[in-house]
């Protein structure tokens, strides 16, 4: 059971219902973590503005999901790991790739650089090295791509924190976290 209220369709205000309808029309569903965000319609709108990058920008959907999977595992967010395993599968990631992402890498050499960079950003709170930045450039990532990876890290850390703090009910096929060795 969620430790923070999940706003239901029945209890939603007019403002919250309008946001829910917009989300439903775009995503085809209304994930429980967005029902938690809806406690503050301003916070939900802010997240949705940030989430715009999930459907736009220069990074391909598979790389965005690889980053989300790596961070969900790194930050021990079972809700996000479950969600992004389902979304990543729809984006074309197979089981072996998802496992590589959870371990902080990728079967795709270029994507592996982005995943490692994303994990370094999260682990070191943005204090990446010149070499890590140059590694992104050397792998063929543009300055826009680098900024987008940073944005995805921020967005995923936010959702990981919300998922863990709220312990929101997982509404995707549940994927267990791997325990650190």
Protein backbone atom coordinates (compact mmCIF):
# COMPACT_ATOMS: atom_id res chain seq x y z
CA UNK A 1 0.00 0.00 0.00
CA UNK A 2 1.28 3.42 -0.94
CA UNK A 3 2.57 5.57 1.91
CA UNK A 4 1.45 8.68 0.01
CA UNK A 5 -2.11 9.01 -1.25
CA UNK A 6 -2.76 7.90 -4.81
CA UNK A 7 -5.44 10.15 -6.22
CA UNK A 8 -8.28 8.07 -7.64
CA UNK A 9 -10.58 9.05 -10.46
CA UNK A 10 -13.39 9.29 -7.91
CA UNK A 11 -11.56 11.65 -5.54
CA UNK A 12 -9.79 13.72 -8.20
CA UNK A 13 -10.59 17.41 -8.47
CA UNK A 14 -11.59 18.89 -11.81
CA UNK A 15 -7.97 20.00 -12.30
CA UNK A 16 -6.60 16.55 -11.47
CA UNK A 17 -9.18 14.85 -13.74
CA UNK A 18 -8.14 17.07 -16.64
CA UNK A 19 -4.50 16.11 -16.09
CA UNK A 20 -5.45 12.42 -15.85
CA UNK A 21 -7.36 12.62 -19.14
CA UNK A 22 -4.38 14.24 -20.87
CA UNK A 23 -2.02 11.56 -19.52
CA UNK A 24 -4.40 8.74 -20.44
CA UNK A 25 -4.72 10.05 -23.99
CA UNK A 26 -0.95 10.30 -24.41
CA UNK A 27 0.21 7.14 -22.61
CA UNK A 28 -2.86 4.94 -22.97
CA UNK A 29 -2.79 4.38 -19.20
CA UNK A 30 -2.42 6.30 -15.96
CA UNK A 31 0.51 4.86 -13.97
CA UNK A 32 0.10 4.87 -10.20
CA UNK A 33 3.18 7.05 -9.65
CA UNK A 34 1.46 9.84 -11.60
CA UNK A 35 -1.52 9.44 -9.27
CA UNK A 36 0.90 10.15 -6.41
CA UNK A 37 2.28 13.20 -8.24
CA UNK A 38 -1.33 14.39 -8.67
CA UNK A 39 -1.52 15.24 -4.97
CA UNK A 40 0.12 18.44 -6.19
CA UNK A 41 -1.21 19.33 -9.64
CA UNK A 42 1.66 21.82 -9.94
CA UNK A 43 4.21 19.08 -9.26
CA UNK A 44 2.46 16.81 -11.76
CA UNK A 45 2.47 19.54 -14.42
CA UNK A 46 6.16 20.22 -13.74
CA UNK A 47 6.96 16.52 -14.12
CA UNK A 48 4.92 16.29 -17.32
CA UNK A 49 6.83 19.26 -18.72
CA UNK A 50 10.09 17.50 -17.95
CA UNK A 51 8.67 14.21 -19.25
CA UNK A 52 8.16 15.86 -22.66
CA UNK A 53 11.73 14.78 -23.41
CA UNK A 54 10.63 11.13 -23.20
CA UNK A 55 8.83 11.52 -26.53
CA UNK A 56 11.06 14.11 -28.16
CA UNK A 57 14.70 15.07 -28.24
CA UNK A 58 17.70 13.55 -29.91
CA UNK A 59 18.09 10.32 -27.91
CA UNK A 60 16.35 7.27 -29.33
CA UNK A 61 13.66 5.56 -27.21
CA UNK A 62 15.82 2.49 -26.56
CA UNK A 63 18.68 4.58 -25.13
CA UNK A 64 16.26 6.53 -22.94
CA UNK A 65 14.93 3.25 -21.55
CA UNK A 66 18.43 1.84 -21.07
CA UNK A 67 19.24 4.85 -18.89
CA UNK A 68 16.00 4.47 -16.93
CA UNK A 69 16.67 0.78 -16.30
CA UNK A 70 20.25 1.39 -15.18
CA UNK A 71 19.18 4.11 -12.74
CA UNK A 72 16.17 2.20 -11.40
CA UNK A 73 18.47 -0.68 -10.49
CA UNK A 74 21.24 1.60 -9.21
CA UNK A 75 18.78 3.57 -7.05
CA UNK A 76 16.87 0.46 -5.92
CA UNK A 77 13.46 1.58 -7.18
CA UNK A 78 11.39 -1.53 -7.83
CA UNK A 79 8.45 0.46 -9.20
CA UNK A 80 10.64 2.17 -11.80
CA UNK A 81 12.48 -1.05 -12.63
CA UNK A 82 9.17 -2.79 -13.27
CA UNK A 83 7.80 0.11 -15.32
CA UNK A 84 10.90 0.53 -17.47
CA UNK A 85 11.29 -3.20 -18.04
CA UNK A 86 7.81 -3.17 -19.59
CA UNK A 87 8.39 0.08 -21.48
CA UNK A 88 11.89 -0.99 -22.56
CA UNK A 89 10.52 -4.24 -23.97
CA UNK A 90 8.02 -2.23 -26.02
CA UNK A 91 10.95 -0.05 -27.21
CA UNK A 92 12.67 -3.16 -28.56
CA UNK A 93 15.00 -4.14 -25.72
CA UNK A 94 15.35 -7.89 -25.26
CA UNK A 95 15.97 -9.69 -21.97
CA UNK A 96 19.75 -9.81 -22.35
CA UNK A 97 19.87 -6.09 -23.11
CA UNK A 98 17.67 -5.26 -20.12
CA UNK A 99 19.99 -7.31 -17.89
CA UNK A 100 23.02 -5.48 -19.33
CA UNK A 101 21.31 -2.14 -18.67
CA UNK A 102 20.51 -3.11 -15.09
CA UNK A 103 24.20 -3.95 -14.66
CA UNK A 104 25.17 -0.51 -15.99
CA UNK A 105 26.08 -1.33 -19.56
CA UNK A 106 24.59 -2.26 -22.94
CA UNK A 107 25.15 -4.76 -25.70
CA UNK A 108 25.32 -1.74 -28.04
CA UNK A 109 28.75 -0.09 -27.73
CA UNK A 110 27.51 3.49 -28.17
CA UNK A 111 24.58 3.01 -25.79
CA UNK A 112 26.92 1.46 -23.22
CA UNK A 113 28.81 4.78 -23.06
CA UNK A 114 25.56 6.67 -22.40
CA UNK A 115 24.46 4.20 -19.72
CA UNK A 116 27.82 4.38 -17.93
CA UNK A 117 27.75 8.19 -18.17
CA UNK A 118 24.23 8.31 -16.74
CA UNK A 119 25.19 6.09 -13.83
CA UNK A 120 28.28 8.21 -13.15
CA UNK A 121 26.14 11.36 -13.15
CA UNK A 122 23.77 9.86 -10.59
CA UNK A 123 26.46 8.29 -8.44
CA UNK A 124 28.63 11.40 -8.30
CA UNK A 125 25.77 13.93 -8.25
CA UNK A 126 26.90 15.46 -11.53
CA UNK A 127 30.63 15.53 -10.76
CA UNK A 128 31.71 13.68 -13.88
CA UNK A 129 35.23 13.84 -15.22
CA UNK A 130 36.45 15.52 -18.37
CA UNK A 131 37.27 12.02 -19.60
CA UNK A 132 33.68 10.85 -19.09
CA UNK A 133 32.38 13.84 -21.04
CA UNK A 134 34.95 13.28 -23.77
CA UNK A 135 33.97 9.61 -23.87
CA UNK A 136 30.43 10.67 -24.75
CA UNK A 137 31.72 12.90 -27.54
CA UNK A 138 34.09 10.21 -28.81
CA UNK A 139 31.17 7.75 -28.96
CA UNK A 140 29.35 10.17 -31.27
CA UNK A 141 27.07 11.96 -28.83
CA UNK A 142 26.42 15.64 -29.52
CA UNK A 143 26.26 18.39 -26.92
CA UNK A 144 22.45 18.18 -27.17
CA UNK A 145 22.64 14.43 -26.49
CA UNK A 146 24.83 15.03 -23.43
CA UNK A 147 22.39 17.59 -22.05
CA UNK A 148 19.52 15.20 -22.71
CA UNK A 149 21.27 12.34 -20.88
CA UNK A 150 21.74 14.71 -17.94
CA UNK A 151 18.04 15.64 -18.13
CA UNK A 152 17.01 11.98 -18.23
CA UNK A 153 19.16 11.28 -15.19
CA UNK A 154 17.47 14.11 -13.29
CA UNK A 155 14.02 12.95 -14.32
CA UNK A 156 14.74 9.33 -13.42
CA UNK A 157 16.29 10.19 -10.07
CA UNK A 158 13.13 12.20 -9.31
CA UNK A 159 10.84 9.29 -10.18
CA UNK A 160 13.08 6.83 -8.31
CA UNK A 161 12.84 8.99 -5.19
CA UNK A 162 9.06 9.33 -5.53
CA UNK A 163 8.66 5.60 -6.10
CA UNK A 164 10.74 4.70 -3.09
CA UNK A 165 9.36 7.36 -0.73
CA UNK A 166 5.75 6.56 -1.57
CA UNK A 167 6.13 2.81 -2.00
CA UNK A 168 3.43 3.19 -4.61
CA UNK A 169 1.73 -0.02 -5.72
CA UNK A 170 3.42 -1.45 -8.82
CA UNK A 171 0.95 -1.46 -11.71
CA UNK A 172 3.30 -3.09 -14.24
CA UNK A 173 4.50 -6.72 -14.28
CA UNK A 174 6.65 -6.78 -11.15
CA UNK A 175 10.42 -7.10 -11.60
CA UNK A 176 12.48 -7.75 -8.48
CA UNK A 177 15.57 -5.73 -7.74
CA UNK A 178 18.84 -7.58 -7.90
CA UNK A 179 20.65 -7.44 -4.59
CA UNK A 180 24.17 -6.04 -4.60
CA UNK A 181 26.82 -8.71 -4.28
